[in-house]
Amino acid sequence: QKDKIEFEGLFRLPGRHNLFNAQVAIKISQILGIEDKVIVAGLQTFRALEHRIEPVAIIDGVEFINDSKATNVDSTYVALEAMRNPVVWIVGGIDKGNNYSVLEKLVETKVKAIVCLTKDDSKIRAIFEKKMKNIFTTTNLKECVKICLKLAHRGDTVLLSPACASFDLFHNYKQRGTEFKKVVLNLKREKSI
């Protein structure tokens, strides 16, 4: 069909939700009479919003993604579902009555290790410890990133998608995400020297 734009490979954001949003944007753009080449250029240059499945850096072949905005289980579900490679998952913070069991299947199929960045990991461990042998806990972000890099192999993804509020260690999700990006980028600089 003439009105169908093939954008596989053009659109860089992972996840079915982003794919759906892109398809809606394409359809609306076409209804408004925007040329296909302009739509394609928009798809090629569109970047993730800050703290929402935001690519940060690749270190030693390991991709680091900042999804600090995921302060609930539903948001983390979407992020984990979008991951294509094995995941070292950073989770934790202030629990908001979360039901982590809805993440169990995704964790079984996508996650190779869990790093809890929190003061209280008891609820997270209670759900995942039986099925996941690699669970670590820290309250220090630099240590967290270093642990993740040790656990990850080339082609893996380190995903900060906490499923929790940030208030145990940070002022808000923005500070948590910004600090995560700083630590990752500093580590990348150190490794390139």
Protein backbone atom coordinates (compact mmCIF):
# COMPACT_ATOMS: atom_id res chain seq x y z
CA GLN A 1 0.00 0.00 0.00
CA LYS A 2 1.14 3.50 -0.79
CA ASP A 3 0.07 4.91 2.58
CA LYS A 4 2.13 2.36 4.55
CA ILE A 5 5.59 3.50 5.64
CA GLU A 6 8.03 0.70 6.35
CA PHE A 7 9.83 1.98 9.43
CA GLU A 8 11.37 -1.24 10.72
CA GLY A 9 14.95 -0.27 11.53
CA LEU A 10 14.22 3.46 11.26
CA PHE A 11 12.59 3.80 14.65
CA ARG A 12 15.08 3.22 17.45
CA LEU A 13 12.96 3.14 20.60
CA PRO A 14 12.32 -0.37 21.92
CA GLY A 15 8.98 -1.73 23.03
CA ARG A 16 5.53 -2.43 21.64
CA HIS A 17 4.17 0.70 23.31
CA ASN A 18 6.65 2.88 21.40
CA LEU A 19 5.92 1.04 18.16
CA PHE A 20 2.19 1.65 18.66
CA ASN A 21 2.81 5.35 19.39
CA ALA A 22 4.93 5.65 16.25
CA GLN A 23 2.23 4.01 14.13
CA VAL A 24 -0.38 6.44 15.50
CA ALA A 25 1.93 9.40 14.83
CA ILE A 26 2.50 8.19 11.25
CA LYS A 27 -1.22 7.83 10.59
CA ILE A 28 -2.03 11.28 12.03
CA SER A 29 0.84 12.82 10.04
CA GLN A 30 -0.47 11.23 6.84
CA ILE A 31 -4.01 12.47 7.55
CA LEU A 32 -2.54 15.96 7.98
CA GLY A 33 -0.83 15.63 4.59
CA ILE A 34 2.77 15.52 5.82
CA GLU A 35 5.11 14.01 3.24
CA ASP A 36 6.49 10.52 3.85
CA LYS A 37 10.10 11.74 3.68
CA VAL A 38 9.40 14.20 6.52
CA ILE A 39 7.74 11.46 8.58
CA VAL A 40 10.69 9.11 7.99
CA ALA A 41 13.16 11.86 8.98
CA GLY A 42 11.19 12.39 12.19
CA LEU A 43 11.30 8.68 13.00
CA GLN A 44 15.03 8.52 12.38
CA THR A 45 15.83 11.46 14.64
CA PHE A 46 13.33 10.91 17.47
CA ARG A 47 14.99 10.15 20.81
CA ALA A 48 13.65 8.74 24.06
CA LEU A 49 12.45 11.17 26.65
CA GLU A 50 14.83 11.58 29.57
CA HIS A 51 14.53 8.83 32.20
CA ARG A 52 12.16 6.74 30.03
CA ILE A 53 13.96 3.74 28.51
CA GLU A 54 16.72 6.22 27.66
CA PRO A 55 19.95 4.78 26.20
CA VAL A 56 22.92 6.15 28.16
CA ALA A 57 26.11 4.46 26.94
CA ILE A 58 27.73 1.23 25.84
CA ILE A 59 30.69 0.07 27.94
CA ASP A 60 32.63 -3.05 26.93
CA GLY A 61 29.71 -4.06 24.70
CA VAL A 62 27.16 -3.67 27.53
CA GLU A 63 24.31 -1.21 26.96
CA PHE A 64 23.17 0.93 29.90
CA ILE A 65 19.56 2.17 29.88
CA ASN A 66 18.00 4.74 32.22
CA ASP A 67 14.34 4.09 32.97
CA SER A 68 14.30 5.86 36.34
CA LYS A 69 10.79 7.17 35.62
CA ALA A 70 9.53 3.60 36.12
CA THR A 71 8.36 4.10 39.69
CA ASN A 72 5.74 1.33 39.54
CA VAL A 73 5.50 -2.28 38.44
CA ASP A 74 3.48 -1.51 35.29
CA SER A 75 6.16 0.83 33.94
CA THR A 76 8.90 -1.66 34.71
CA TYR A 77 6.89 -4.41 33.00
CA VAL A 78 6.84 -2.35 29.79
CA ALA A 79 10.59 -1.71 30.02
CA LEU A 80 11.51 -5.34 30.67
CA GLU A 81 9.19 -6.49 27.90
CA ALA A 82 10.98 -4.11 25.48
CA MET A 83 14.45 -5.52 26.18
CA ARG A 84 15.88 -7.71 23.43
CA ASN A 85 19.09 -8.84 25.15
CA PRO A 86 19.77 -10.47 28.54
CA VAL A 87 19.21 -7.95 31.33
CA VAL A 88 21.00 -7.04 34.53
CA TRP A 89 18.10 -5.32 36.25
CA ILE A 90 18.50 -2.49 38.78
CA VAL A 91 15.39 -2.39 40.98
CA GLY A 92 14.36 -0.92 44.31
CA GLY A 93 13.57 2.15 46.31
CA ILE A 94 10.50 2.95 48.35
CA ASP A 95 7.96 0.22 47.75
CA LYS A 96 4.48 1.59 47.00
CA GLY A 97 2.59 -1.61 47.76
CA ASN A 98 3.97 -3.22 44.62
CA ASN A 99 2.95 -6.66 43.47
CA TYR A 100 6.25 -7.82 41.98
CA SER A 101 4.82 -11.23 41.12
CA VAL A 102 3.42 -9.80 37.85
CA LEU A 103 7.06 -9.42 36.75
CA GLU A 104 8.05 -13.02 37.53
CA LYS A 105 7.62 -14.44 34.01
CA LEU A 106 9.52 -11.56 32.41
CA VAL A 107 12.28 -11.86 34.98
CA GLU A 108 12.54 -15.61 34.30
CA THR A 109 12.89 -15.07 30.55
CA LYS A 110 14.78 -11.78 30.32
CA VAL A 111 16.78 -11.14 33.51
CA LYS A 112 20.12 -12.79 34.29
CA ALA A 113 20.86 -10.86 37.51
CA ILE A 114 19.18 -8.40 39.85
CA VAL A 115 20.88 -5.55 41.66
CA CYS A 116 18.72 -3.95 44.35
CA LEU A 117 19.51 -0.25 44.80
CA THR A 118 17.66 0.36 48.05
CA LYS A 119 17.74 0.36 51.83
CA ASP A 120 15.14 -2.42 52.01
CA ASP A 121 15.28 -5.29 49.55
CA SER A 122 13.17 -7.77 51.56
CA LYS A 123 10.05 -7.71 49.39
CA ILE A 124 12.02 -7.93 46.14
CA ARG A 125 14.11 -10.83 47.45
CA ALA A 126 11.02 -12.62 48.76
CA ILE A 127 9.60 -12.74 45.22
CA PHE A 128 12.73 -13.37 43.12
CA GLU A 129 15.32 -15.06 45.32
CA LYS A 130 13.89 -18.55 44.80
CA LYS A 131 14.35 -18.35 41.04
CA MET A 132 17.30 -15.97 40.69
CA LYS A 133 20.65 -16.90 42.19
CA ASN A 134 22.33 -13.62 41.22
CA ILE A 135 20.76 -11.00 43.50
CA PHE A 136 22.88 -8.27 45.02
CA THR A 137 22.02 -5.24 47.14
CA THR A 138 23.70 -1.87 47.59
CA THR A 139 22.76 1.65 48.63
CA ASN A 140 25.62 3.17 46.62
CA LEU A 141 25.00 4.01 42.96
CA LYS A 142 28.66 3.81 41.90
CA GLU A 143 28.97 0.39 43.48
CA CYS A 144 25.69 -0.63 41.83
CA VAL A 145 26.95 0.24 38.35
CA LYS A 146 30.26 -1.56 38.94
CA ILE A 147 28.43 -4.68 40.16
CA CYS A 148 26.22 -4.57 37.06
CA LEU A 149 29.20 -4.29 34.74
CA LYS A 150 30.82 -7.32 36.40
CA LEU A 151 27.62 -9.35 36.01
CA ALA A 152 26.96 -8.33 32.41
CA HIS A 153 28.66 -9.70 29.31
CA ARG A 154 29.08 -8.19 25.87
CA GLY A 155 25.62 -7.92 24.28
CA ASP A 156 23.79 -7.66 27.61
CA THR A 157 21.78 -4.69 28.86
CA VAL A 158 21.94 -3.02 32.26
CA LEU A 159 18.48 -1.61 32.88
CA LEU A 160 17.69 0.88 35.65
CA SER A 161 13.93 0.36 35.92
CA PRO A 162 13.31 0.48 39.67
CA ALA A 163 9.55 -0.18 39.96
CA CYS A 164 9.76 1.94 43.12
CA ALA A 165 9.82 5.54 44.26
CA SER A 166 13.29 7.00 44.73
CA PHE A 167 12.93 8.67 48.12
CA ASP A 168 15.04 6.24 50.17
CA LEU A 169 18.27 7.31 48.43
CA PHE A 170 17.36 10.21 46.11
CA HIS A 171 15.16 13.33 46.07
CA ASN A 172 13.15 12.10 43.09
CA TYR A 173 13.29 9.88 40.02
CA LYS A 174 14.97 12.66 38.01
CA GLN A 175 17.89 12.87 40.43
CA ARG A 176 18.17 9.07 40.47
CA GLY A 177 18.27 8.94 36.66
CA THR A 178 20.65 11.88 36.32
CA GLU A 179 23.06 10.43 38.89
CA PHE A 180 22.89 7.03 37.15
CA LYS A 181 23.81 8.64 33.83
CA LYS A 182 26.71 10.55 35.43
CA VAL A 183 28.12 7.41 37.02
CA VAL A 184 27.81 5.40 33.80
CA LEU A 185 29.37 8.14 31.65
CA ASN A 186 32.22 8.66 34.15
CA LEU A 187 32.91 4.91 34.11
CA LYS A 188 32.93 4.96 30.32
CA ARG A 189 35.46 7.83 30.36
CA GLU A 190 37.66 5.99 32.88
CA LYS A 191 37.67 2.85 30.75
CA SER A 192 38.58 4.78 27.60
CA ILE A 193 41.69 6.36 29.15
